[in-house]
N, C-alpha and C. Protein backbone atom coordinates (compact mmCIF):
# COMPACT_ATOMS: atom_id res chain seq x y z
N MET A 1 -24.45 10.41 -48.58
CA MET A 1 -24.76 11.19 -47.40
C MET A 1 -23.47 11.56 -46.69
N ALA A 2 -23.39 12.78 -46.27
CA ALA A 2 -22.21 13.27 -45.56
C ALA A 2 -22.15 12.66 -44.16
N LYS A 3 -20.95 12.63 -43.60
CA LYS A 3 -20.79 12.12 -42.24
C LYS A 3 -21.58 13.01 -41.28
N LYS A 4 -22.17 12.37 -40.30
CA LYS A 4 -22.97 13.10 -39.31
C LYS A 4 -22.13 14.12 -38.56
N SER A 5 -20.85 13.80 -38.35
CA SER A 5 -19.97 14.72 -37.61
C SER A 5 -19.73 16.00 -38.38
N TRP A 6 -19.63 15.91 -39.72
CA TRP A 6 -19.43 17.12 -40.53
C TRP A 6 -20.66 18.01 -40.48
N ILE A 7 -21.82 17.38 -40.56
CA ILE A 7 -23.07 18.14 -40.52
C ILE A 7 -23.22 18.80 -39.15
N ALA A 8 -22.92 18.05 -38.08
CA ALA A 8 -23.02 18.59 -36.72
C ALA A 8 -22.03 19.73 -36.50
N ARG A 9 -20.82 19.58 -37.02
CA ARG A 9 -19.80 20.61 -36.88
C ARG A 9 -20.24 21.90 -37.57
N ASN A 10 -20.84 21.76 -38.73
CA ASN A 10 -21.31 22.93 -39.47
C ASN A 10 -22.46 23.61 -38.74
N GLU A 11 -23.35 22.83 -38.14
CA GLU A 11 -24.45 23.40 -37.36
C GLU A 11 -23.91 24.16 -36.14
N LYS A 12 -22.87 23.61 -35.52
CA LYS A 12 -22.25 24.27 -34.37
C LYS A 12 -21.63 25.60 -34.80
N ARG A 13 -21.01 25.62 -35.97
CA ARG A 13 -20.43 26.86 -36.50
C ARG A 13 -21.52 27.90 -36.75
N LYS A 14 -22.67 27.47 -37.26
CA LYS A 14 -23.78 28.39 -37.49
C LYS A 14 -24.24 29.04 -36.19
N ARG A 15 -24.38 28.21 -35.15
CA ARG A 15 -24.81 28.73 -33.85
C ARG A 15 -23.79 29.70 -33.28
N THR A 16 -22.49 29.37 -33.39
CA THR A 16 -21.44 30.22 -32.85
C THR A 16 -21.39 31.55 -33.60
N ALA A 17 -21.49 31.50 -34.92
CA ALA A 17 -21.47 32.73 -35.73
C ALA A 17 -22.65 33.63 -35.38
N GLU A 18 -23.80 33.02 -35.16
CA GLU A 18 -25.00 33.79 -34.81
C GLU A 18 -24.84 34.41 -33.42
N LYS A 19 -24.23 33.67 -32.51
CA LYS A 19 -24.03 34.15 -31.14
C LYS A 19 -23.13 35.38 -31.08
N TYR A 20 -22.06 35.38 -31.88
CA TYR A 20 -21.07 36.45 -31.85
C TYR A 20 -21.28 37.51 -32.93
N ALA A 21 -22.35 37.44 -33.70
CA ALA A 21 -22.56 38.36 -34.83
C ALA A 21 -22.58 39.83 -34.38
N ARG A 22 -23.32 40.14 -33.33
CA ARG A 22 -23.42 41.52 -32.87
C ARG A 22 -22.07 42.02 -32.36
N LYS A 23 -21.38 41.19 -31.58
CA LYS A 23 -20.10 41.58 -31.02
C LYS A 23 -19.06 41.81 -32.13
N ARG A 24 -19.06 40.93 -33.15
CA ARG A 24 -18.13 41.10 -34.28
C ARG A 24 -18.40 42.40 -35.01
N LYS A 25 -19.68 42.72 -35.19
CA LYS A 25 -20.04 43.95 -35.90
C LYS A 25 -19.56 45.18 -35.12
N GLU A 26 -19.77 45.16 -33.80
CA GLU A 26 -19.34 46.29 -32.97
C GLU A 26 -17.82 46.46 -33.00
N LEU A 27 -17.08 45.36 -32.92
CA LEU A 27 -15.62 45.42 -32.93
C LEU A 27 -15.09 45.90 -34.28
N LYS A 28 -15.75 45.47 -35.36
CA LYS A 28 -15.32 45.92 -36.69
C LYS A 28 -15.56 47.42 -36.87
N GLU A 29 -16.71 47.91 -36.40
CA GLU A 29 -17.02 49.33 -36.52
C GLU A 29 -16.06 50.17 -35.69
N ALA A 30 -15.65 49.63 -34.53
CA ALA A 30 -14.71 50.34 -33.66
C ALA A 30 -13.28 50.24 -34.17
N GLY A 31 -13.03 49.28 -35.05
CA GLY A 31 -11.68 49.09 -35.58
C GLY A 31 -10.75 48.35 -34.63
N ASP A 32 -11.33 47.64 -33.69
CA ASP A 32 -10.54 46.90 -32.68
C ASP A 32 -10.27 45.48 -33.20
N TYR A 33 -9.25 45.37 -34.04
CA TYR A 33 -8.95 44.09 -34.68
C TYR A 33 -8.24 43.11 -33.75
N GLU A 34 -7.60 43.62 -32.72
CA GLU A 34 -6.96 42.73 -31.74
C GLU A 34 -8.01 41.96 -30.95
N ALA A 35 -9.05 42.64 -30.53
CA ALA A 35 -10.14 41.97 -29.80
C ALA A 35 -10.91 41.05 -30.73
N LEU A 36 -10.99 41.42 -32.00
CA LEU A 36 -11.68 40.60 -32.98
C LEU A 36 -10.97 39.27 -33.17
N GLN A 37 -9.63 39.30 -33.12
CA GLN A 37 -8.85 38.07 -33.27
C GLN A 37 -9.00 37.15 -32.06
N LYS A 38 -9.37 37.70 -30.92
CA LYS A 38 -9.50 36.88 -29.71
C LYS A 38 -10.83 36.13 -29.64
N LEU A 39 -11.74 36.46 -30.53
CA LEU A 39 -13.00 35.72 -30.59
C LEU A 39 -12.72 34.32 -31.14
N PRO A 40 -13.62 33.36 -30.90
CA PRO A 40 -13.42 32.01 -31.46
C PRO A 40 -13.37 32.03 -32.98
N ARG A 41 -12.61 31.11 -33.56
CA ARG A 41 -12.51 31.03 -35.03
C ARG A 41 -13.87 30.82 -35.67
N ASP A 42 -14.65 29.95 -35.07
CA ASP A 42 -15.95 29.63 -35.65
C ASP A 42 -16.96 30.77 -35.54
N ALA A 43 -16.58 31.87 -34.91
CA ALA A 43 -17.47 33.03 -34.83
C ALA A 43 -17.54 33.75 -36.17
N SER A 44 -16.61 33.46 -37.05
CA SER A 44 -16.60 34.09 -38.37
C SER A 44 -17.59 33.39 -39.30
N PRO A 45 -18.47 34.15 -39.96
CA PRO A 45 -19.45 33.51 -40.84
C PRO A 45 -18.84 32.89 -42.09
N THR A 46 -17.60 33.21 -42.43
CA THR A 46 -16.98 32.62 -43.61
C THR A 46 -16.60 31.16 -43.39
N ARG A 47 -16.61 30.70 -42.16
CA ARG A 47 -16.28 29.30 -41.88
C ARG A 47 -17.47 28.37 -42.05
N ILE A 48 -18.66 28.94 -42.24
CA ILE A 48 -19.86 28.12 -42.44
C ILE A 48 -19.88 27.63 -43.88
N ARG A 49 -20.12 26.34 -44.04
CA ARG A 49 -20.16 25.72 -45.36
C ARG A 49 -21.62 25.51 -45.76
N LYS A 50 -21.96 25.84 -46.99
CA LYS A 50 -23.32 25.61 -47.47
C LYS A 50 -23.46 24.13 -47.80
N ARG A 51 -24.48 23.51 -47.25
CA ARG A 51 -24.69 22.07 -47.43
C ARG A 51 -26.12 21.78 -47.86
N CYS A 52 -26.29 20.64 -48.54
CA CYS A 52 -27.60 20.18 -48.97
C CYS A 52 -28.45 19.91 -47.73
N SER A 53 -29.68 20.39 -47.73
CA SER A 53 -30.54 20.21 -46.57
C SER A 53 -31.05 18.78 -46.44
N LEU A 54 -30.99 18.00 -47.51
CA LEU A 54 -31.47 16.62 -47.47
C LEU A 54 -30.36 15.62 -47.16
N THR A 55 -29.20 15.79 -47.79
CA THR A 55 -28.13 14.79 -47.64
C THR A 55 -26.91 15.30 -46.88
N GLY A 56 -26.73 16.61 -46.82
CA GLY A 56 -25.55 17.17 -46.16
C GLY A 56 -24.37 17.31 -47.09
N ARG A 57 -24.55 17.00 -48.36
CA ARG A 57 -23.46 17.11 -49.34
C ARG A 57 -23.03 18.57 -49.48
N SER A 58 -21.71 18.80 -49.51
CA SER A 58 -21.21 20.18 -49.56
C SER A 58 -20.90 20.65 -50.98
N ARG A 59 -20.59 19.74 -51.85
CA ARG A 59 -20.26 20.14 -53.22
C ARG A 59 -21.48 20.04 -54.12
N GLY A 60 -21.51 20.88 -55.14
CA GLY A 60 -22.63 20.87 -56.07
C GLY A 60 -23.90 21.42 -55.45
N TYR A 61 -23.76 22.43 -54.61
CA TYR A 61 -24.89 23.02 -53.89
C TYR A 61 -25.62 24.00 -54.80
N VAL A 62 -26.92 23.82 -54.96
CA VAL A 62 -27.75 24.73 -55.75
C VAL A 62 -28.43 25.67 -54.75
N GLY A 63 -27.92 26.89 -54.67
CA GLY A 63 -28.34 27.84 -53.64
C GLY A 63 -29.80 28.23 -53.70
N THR A 64 -30.38 28.32 -54.88
CA THR A 64 -31.77 28.74 -55.03
C THR A 64 -32.72 27.78 -54.31
N PHE A 65 -32.37 26.51 -54.33
CA PHE A 65 -33.25 25.49 -53.75
C PHE A 65 -32.71 24.91 -52.44
N GLY A 66 -31.44 25.14 -52.13
CA GLY A 66 -30.86 24.66 -50.88
C GLY A 66 -30.56 23.18 -50.86
N ILE A 67 -30.41 22.57 -52.05
CA ILE A 67 -30.10 21.15 -52.13
C ILE A 67 -28.95 20.93 -53.11
N SER A 68 -28.40 19.71 -53.10
CA SER A 68 -27.29 19.41 -54.00
C SER A 68 -27.81 19.15 -55.42
N ARG A 69 -26.91 19.19 -56.37
CA ARG A 69 -27.28 18.99 -57.78
C ARG A 69 -27.89 17.62 -58.01
N ILE A 70 -27.44 16.62 -57.28
CA ILE A 70 -27.93 15.25 -57.45
C ILE A 70 -29.38 15.15 -56.99
N LYS A 71 -29.66 15.66 -55.79
CA LYS A 71 -31.03 15.64 -55.28
C LYS A 71 -31.93 16.55 -56.11
N PHE A 72 -31.38 17.66 -56.59
CA PHE A 72 -32.16 18.56 -57.44
C PHE A 72 -32.63 17.83 -58.69
N ARG A 73 -31.73 17.08 -59.32
CA ARG A 73 -32.08 16.36 -60.54
C ARG A 73 -33.12 15.28 -60.26
N GLU A 74 -32.93 14.55 -59.16
CA GLU A 74 -33.89 13.50 -58.80
C GLU A 74 -35.29 14.08 -58.57
N LEU A 75 -35.36 15.13 -57.77
CA LEU A 75 -36.65 15.72 -57.43
C LEU A 75 -37.29 16.41 -58.63
N ALA A 76 -36.48 17.02 -59.49
CA ALA A 76 -37.02 17.68 -60.69
C ALA A 76 -37.57 16.64 -61.66
N SER A 77 -36.89 15.50 -61.79
CA SER A 77 -37.36 14.45 -62.68
C SER A 77 -38.67 13.85 -62.19
N GLU A 78 -38.83 13.77 -60.88
CA GLU A 78 -40.06 13.24 -60.29
C GLU A 78 -41.18 14.28 -60.28
N GLY A 79 -40.84 15.53 -60.60
CA GLY A 79 -41.84 16.61 -60.63
C GLY A 79 -42.21 17.13 -59.25
N LYS A 80 -41.29 16.99 -58.30
CA LYS A 80 -41.57 17.40 -56.93
C LYS A 80 -41.12 18.83 -56.63
N ILE A 81 -40.47 19.48 -57.58
CA ILE A 81 -40.07 20.88 -57.39
C ILE A 81 -40.98 21.73 -58.28
N PRO A 82 -41.81 22.57 -57.67
CA PRO A 82 -42.75 23.36 -58.45
C PRO A 82 -42.04 24.33 -59.40
N GLY A 83 -42.53 24.39 -60.61
CA GLY A 83 -42.00 25.32 -61.60
C GLY A 83 -40.77 24.83 -62.33
N VAL A 84 -40.29 23.64 -62.03
CA VAL A 84 -39.09 23.10 -62.68
C VAL A 84 -39.49 21.86 -63.45
N LYS A 85 -39.10 21.81 -64.73
CA LYS A 85 -39.32 20.60 -65.50
C LYS A 85 -38.14 20.35 -66.41
N LYS A 86 -37.95 19.12 -66.78
CA LYS A 86 -36.82 18.73 -67.62
C LYS A 86 -36.99 19.34 -69.01
N SER A 87 -35.91 19.94 -69.47
CA SER A 87 -35.99 20.58 -70.79
C SER A 87 -35.77 19.57 -71.90
N SER A 88 -36.39 19.80 -73.02
CA SER A 88 -36.17 18.95 -74.21
C SER A 88 -36.43 19.81 -75.43
N TRP A 89 -35.62 19.63 -76.44
CA TRP A 89 -35.80 20.38 -77.68
C TRP A 89 -35.36 19.58 -78.88
């Protein structure tokens, strides 16, 4: 499990990016890059890290399901993810 502070920091970045999304778009369309630089760093959506919704793990993220590879394997083996089953040949 990821540290609670990392998860909280990422959630704060999501809120900040959402708050400034319209303003960033307007500044980009106007070409005012000086004003764009004066916005908070966390207002940029590229600073948001994709994390597992169950554990908060940042690496090995499976985007289709929104969880890490480890949790994906556990849940798929238990049959808790619809339409996914372990392959064998």
